[in-house]
Amino acid sequence: MQEFIENLKIISESIEVAQKINNYDEILRLDRERRDIMDKIFATGIKKLSEENIKTIKSIAEANEKMISEISIAGTKRAETAHKTIQAIKGYSK
């Protein structure tokens, strides 16, 4: 169980690094790994988790929720910028 928790910590740190450099493909790949590990943790049973492990999982979940929100906002801003650029190009081609 502890090995799963350690892997979860490592993946979460890697996700943070990928987010800092805006590597969304890597974030998605790592997120799939994170979900697989979470599935394995919960498949073995929550009762086997220590209080410390539960706190770690909760902390990682909160950080991931914040990250997803930030990525969503960034994606929306990029889409808006792309839309404005397309509108400007269309205006010049008329």
N, C-alpha and C. Protein backbone atom coordinates (compact mmCIF):
# COMPACT_ATOMS: atom_id res chain seq x y z
N MET A 1 0.83 -1.19 0.00
CA MET A 1 0.00 0.00 0.00
C MET A 1 0.87 1.26 0.00
N GLN A 2 1.93 1.22 0.81
CA GLN A 2 2.81 2.40 0.90
C GLN A 2 3.47 2.69 -0.45
N GLU A 3 3.76 1.65 -1.21
CA GLU A 3 4.36 1.83 -2.54
C GLU A 3 3.40 2.60 -3.45
N PHE A 4 2.11 2.29 -3.37
CA PHE A 4 1.12 3.02 -4.16
C PHE A 4 1.10 4.50 -3.78
N ILE A 5 1.14 4.77 -2.49
CA ILE A 5 1.10 6.14 -2.01
C ILE A 5 2.35 6.90 -2.48
N GLU A 6 3.50 6.25 -2.40
CA GLU A 6 4.74 6.90 -2.86
C GLU A 6 4.69 7.18 -4.36
N ASN A 7 4.18 6.22 -5.13
CA ASN A 7 4.03 6.44 -6.57
C ASN A 7 3.06 7.59 -6.86
N LEU A 8 2.02 7.67 -6.07
CA LEU A 8 1.04 8.74 -6.22
C LEU A 8 1.69 10.10 -5.97
N LYS A 9 2.54 10.18 -4.96
CA LYS A 9 3.26 11.43 -4.66
C LYS A 9 4.17 11.81 -5.83
N ILE A 10 4.90 10.84 -6.35
CA ILE A 10 5.83 11.10 -7.45
C ILE A 10 5.07 11.59 -8.68
N ILE A 11 3.98 10.93 -9.00
CA ILE A 11 3.19 11.33 -10.17
C ILE A 11 2.62 12.73 -9.98
N SER A 12 2.15 13.03 -8.79
CA SER A 12 1.61 14.36 -8.53
C SER A 12 2.67 15.44 -8.69
N GLU A 13 3.88 15.16 -8.23
CA GLU A 13 4.98 16.11 -8.41
C GLU A 13 5.30 16.27 -9.89
N SER A 14 5.27 15.18 -10.64
CA SER A 14 5.54 15.24 -12.08
C SER A 14 4.45 16.03 -12.80
N ILE A 15 3.22 15.90 -12.35
CA ILE A 15 2.12 16.67 -12.94
C ILE A 15 2.35 18.16 -12.71
N GLU A 16 2.79 18.52 -11.51
CA GLU A 16 3.08 19.93 -11.22
C GLU A 16 4.15 20.48 -12.15
N VAL A 17 5.20 19.71 -12.38
CA VAL A 17 6.28 20.13 -13.28
C VAL A 17 5.74 20.30 -14.70
N ALA A 18 4.96 19.34 -15.16
CA ALA A 18 4.39 19.42 -16.51
C ALA A 18 3.46 20.62 -16.64
N GLN A 19 2.74 20.93 -15.57
CA GLN A 19 1.84 22.09 -15.61
C GLN A 19 2.63 23.38 -15.73
N LYS A 20 3.75 23.48 -15.03
CA LYS A 20 4.57 24.70 -15.08
C LYS A 20 5.09 24.99 -16.48
N ILE A 21 5.33 23.94 -17.26
CA ILE A 21 5.83 24.14 -18.62
C ILE A 21 4.71 23.98 -19.66
N ASN A 22 3.48 23.92 -19.20
CA ASN A 22 2.30 23.81 -20.08
C ASN A 22 2.35 22.59 -21.00
N ASN A 23 2.83 21.48 -20.49
CA ASN A 23 2.90 20.24 -21.26
C ASN A 23 1.63 19.43 -20.98
N TYR A 24 0.56 19.78 -21.69
CA TYR A 24 -0.74 19.19 -21.41
C TYR A 24 -0.82 17.72 -21.79
N ASP A 25 -0.08 17.29 -22.82
CA ASP A 25 -0.06 15.87 -23.17
C ASP A 25 0.52 15.04 -22.02
N GLU A 26 1.60 15.56 -21.42
CA GLU A 26 2.22 14.85 -20.29
C GLU A 26 1.29 14.85 -19.08
N ILE A 27 0.60 15.96 -18.87
CA ILE A 27 -0.36 16.03 -17.75
C ILE A 27 -1.43 14.96 -17.91
N LEU A 28 -1.97 14.84 -19.11
CA LEU A 28 -3.02 13.84 -19.35
C LEU A 28 -2.49 12.42 -19.16
N ARG A 29 -1.27 12.16 -19.64
CA ARG A 29 -0.68 10.83 -19.47
C ARG A 29 -0.48 10.51 -17.99
N LEU A 30 0.07 11.47 -17.27
CA LEU A 30 0.31 11.27 -15.84
C LEU A 30 -1.00 11.15 -15.07
N ASP A 31 -2.00 11.89 -15.49
CA ASP A 31 -3.30 11.81 -14.81
C ASP A 31 -3.91 10.43 -14.97
N ARG A 32 -3.73 9.81 -16.14
CA ARG A 32 -4.23 8.43 -16.33
C ARG A 32 -3.50 7.48 -15.37
N GLU A 33 -2.18 7.66 -15.24
CA GLU A 33 -1.41 6.84 -14.30
C GLU A 33 -1.91 7.05 -12.87
N ARG A 34 -2.15 8.30 -12.53
CA ARG A 34 -2.63 8.64 -11.19
C ARG A 34 -3.96 7.94 -10.92
N ARG A 35 -4.86 7.99 -11.90
CA ARG A 35 -6.17 7.34 -11.72
C ARG A 35 -6.02 5.83 -11.56
N ASP A 36 -5.10 5.23 -12.32
CA ASP A 36 -4.86 3.78 -12.20
C ASP A 36 -4.38 3.43 -10.79
N ILE A 37 -3.46 4.24 -10.27
CA ILE A 37 -2.96 3.99 -8.91
C ILE A 37 -4.07 4.17 -7.89
N MET A 38 -4.88 5.21 -8.07
CA MET A 38 -6.00 5.43 -7.13
C MET A 38 -6.95 4.23 -7.16
N ASP A 39 -7.23 3.71 -8.36
CA ASP A 39 -8.08 2.53 -8.47
C ASP A 39 -7.50 1.35 -7.71
N LYS A 40 -6.18 1.17 -7.82
CA LYS A 40 -5.52 0.07 -7.12
C LYS A 40 -5.59 0.27 -5.60
N ILE A 41 -5.40 1.50 -5.17
CA ILE A 41 -5.47 1.79 -3.73
C ILE A 41 -6.85 1.46 -3.19
N PHE A 42 -7.89 1.93 -3.89
CA PHE A 42 -9.24 1.70 -3.39
C PHE A 42 -9.70 0.27 -3.58
N ALA A 43 -9.10 -0.44 -4.55
CA ALA A 43 -9.43 -1.86 -4.74
C ALA A 43 -8.91 -2.70 -3.58
N THR A 44 -7.80 -2.28 -2.97
CA THR A 44 -7.26 -3.04 -1.85
C THR A 44 -8.00 -2.73 -0.55
N GLY A 45 -8.75 -1.67 -0.55
CA GLY A 45 -9.58 -1.35 0.61
C GLY A 45 -9.12 -0.12 1.37
N ILE A 46 -10.04 0.75 1.61
CA ILE A 46 -9.76 2.00 2.32
C ILE A 46 -9.37 1.73 3.77
N LYS A 47 -9.91 0.68 4.33
CA LYS A 47 -9.63 0.37 5.74
C LYS A 47 -8.16 0.07 5.99
N LYS A 48 -7.43 -0.29 4.91
CA LYS A 48 -6.01 -0.60 5.06
C LYS A 48 -5.14 0.66 5.04
N LEU A 49 -5.76 1.80 4.76
CA LEU A 49 -5.00 3.05 4.70
C LEU A 49 -4.80 3.62 6.10
N SER A 50 -3.61 4.14 6.32
CA SER A 50 -3.35 4.83 7.58
C SER A 50 -3.93 6.23 7.50
N GLU A 51 -4.04 6.87 8.65
CA GLU A 51 -4.54 8.25 8.69
C GLU A 51 -3.65 9.16 7.84
N GLU A 52 -2.35 8.94 7.93
CA GLU A 52 -1.39 9.74 7.15
C GLU A 52 -1.61 9.55 5.65
N ASN A 53 -1.85 8.30 5.22
CA ASN A 53 -2.10 8.03 3.81
C ASN A 53 -3.39 8.69 3.33
N ILE A 54 -4.39 8.67 4.17
CA ILE A 54 -5.65 9.31 3.82
C ILE A 54 -5.44 10.82 3.65
N LYS A 55 -4.67 11.43 4.54
CA LYS A 55 -4.37 12.86 4.43
C LYS A 55 -3.60 13.15 3.14
N THR A 56 -2.65 12.28 2.81
CA THR A 56 -1.87 12.45 1.59
C THR A 56 -2.77 12.40 0.36
N ILE A 57 -3.64 11.41 0.31
CA ILE A 57 -4.55 11.27 -0.83
C ILE A 57 -5.47 12.49 -0.92
N LYS A 58 -5.98 12.94 0.21
CA LYS A 58 -6.86 14.11 0.22
C LYS A 58 -6.12 15.35 -0.28
N SER A 59 -4.90 15.53 0.17
CA SER A 59 -4.09 16.68 -0.26
C SER A 59 -3.83 16.64 -1.76
N ILE A 60 -3.49 15.47 -2.27
CA ILE A 60 -3.24 15.31 -3.70
C ILE A 60 -4.52 15.57 -4.50
N ALA A 61 -5.64 15.07 -4.01
CA ALA A 61 -6.91 15.29 -4.70
C ALA A 61 -7.25 16.78 -4.76
N GLU A 62 -7.02 17.50 -3.66
CA GLU A 62 -7.30 18.94 -3.65
C GLU A 62 -6.39 19.68 -4.62
N ALA A 63 -5.11 19.31 -4.66
CA ALA A 63 -4.17 19.95 -5.58
C ALA A 63 -4.55 19.66 -7.03
N ASN A 64 -4.98 18.43 -7.29
CA ASN A 64 -5.39 18.07 -8.66
C ASN A 64 -6.65 18.83 -9.07
N GLU A 65 -7.56 19.01 -8.14
CA GLU A 65 -8.78 19.76 -8.43
C GLU A 65 -8.44 21.20 -8.81
N LYS A 66 -7.52 21.79 -8.06
CA LYS A 66 -7.08 23.16 -8.34
C LYS A 66 -6.40 23.22 -9.71
N MET A 67 -5.55 22.24 -10.00
CA MET A 67 -4.84 22.20 -11.26
C MET A 67 -5.81 22.09 -12.43
N ILE A 68 -6.81 21.24 -12.31
CA ILE A 68 -7.80 21.07 -13.37
C ILE A 68 -8.54 22.38 -13.62
N SER A 69 -8.87 23.08 -12.56
CA SER A 69 -9.53 24.37 -12.69
C SER A 69 -8.64 25.36 -13.43
N GLU A 70 -7.37 25.41 -13.07
CA GLU A 70 -6.43 26.33 -13.72
C GLU A 70 -6.25 25.98 -15.20
N ILE A 71 -6.17 24.70 -15.51
CA ILE A 71 -6.03 24.27 -16.90
C ILE A 71 -7.28 24.63 -17.69
N SER A 72 -8.42 24.46 -17.09
CA SER A 72 -9.67 24.80 -17.75
C SER A 72 -9.73 26.29 -18.08
N ILE A 73 -9.33 27.11 -17.13
CA ILE A 73 -9.32 28.56 -17.35
C ILE A 73 -8.34 28.91 -18.46
N ALA A 74 -7.15 28.32 -18.42
CA ALA A 74 -6.14 28.58 -19.45
C ALA A 74 -6.65 28.15 -20.82
N GLY A 75 -7.31 27.01 -20.88
CA GLY A 75 -7.86 26.52 -22.15
C GLY A 75 -8.91 27.45 -22.71
N THR A 76 -9.76 27.97 -21.83
CA THR A 76 -10.79 28.91 -22.25
C THR A 76 -10.16 30.19 -22.79
N LYS A 77 -9.14 30.69 -22.12
CA LYS A 77 -8.46 31.90 -22.57
C LYS A 77 -7.80 31.67 -23.93
N ARG A 78 -7.19 30.51 -24.12
CA ARG A 78 -6.57 30.20 -25.41
C ARG A 78 -7.61 30.11 -26.51
N ALA A 79 -8.75 29.51 -26.21
CA ALA A 79 -9.83 29.41 -27.20
C ALA A 79 -10.34 30.80 -27.57
N GLU A 80 -10.47 31.68 -26.58
CA GLU A 80 -10.92 33.05 -26.86
C GLU A 80 -9.91 33.78 -27.73
N THR A 81 -8.64 33.61 -27.42
CA THR A 81 -7.58 34.26 -28.22
C THR A 81 -7.59 33.73 -29.65
N ALA A 82 -7.73 32.43 -29.80
CA ALA A 82 -7.77 31.83 -31.14
C ALA A 82 -8.98 32.36 -31.91
N HIS A 83 -10.11 32.48 -31.25
CA HIS A 83 -11.32 32.98 -31.91
C HIS A 83 -11.11 34.42 -32.39
N LYS A 84 -10.52 35.25 -31.55
CA LYS A 84 -10.25 36.64 -31.92
C LYS A 84 -9.28 36.70 -33.10
N THR A 85 -8.28 35.84 -33.09
CA THR A 85 -7.30 35.81 -34.18
C THR A 85 -7.98 35.40 -35.49
N ILE A 86 -8.82 34.41 -35.43
CA ILE A 86 -9.55 33.96 -36.63
C ILE A 86 -10.45 35.07 -37.14
N GLN A 87 -11.13 35.76 -36.25
CA GLN A 87 -12.01 36.87 -36.64
C GLN A 87 -11.18 37.97 -37.31
N ALA A 88 -10.00 38.27 -36.77
CA ALA A 88 -9.14 39.30 -37.35
C ALA A 88 -8.66 38.88 -38.74
N ILE A 89 -8.28 37.62 -38.90
CA ILE A 89 -7.84 37.13 -40.21
C ILE A 89 -8.98 37.21 -41.21
N LYS A 90 -10.17 36.82 -40.80
CA LYS A 90 -11.33 36.91 -41.69
C LYS A 90 -11.58 38.36 -42.10
N GLY A 91 -11.41 39.28 -41.16
CA GLY A 91 -11.62 40.70 -41.45
C GLY A 91 -10.63 41.22 -42.47
N TYR A 92 -9.39 40.76 -42.41
CA TYR A 92 -8.37 41.22 -43.36
C TYR A 92 -8.58 40.61 -44.75
N SER A 93 -9.16 39.40 -44.81
CA SER A 93 -9.31 38.75 -46.11
C SER A 93 -10.51 39.27 -46.90
N LYS A 94 -11.33 40.10 -46.29
CA LYS A 94 -12.51 40.61 -47.04
C LYS A 94 -12.14 41.76 -47.91
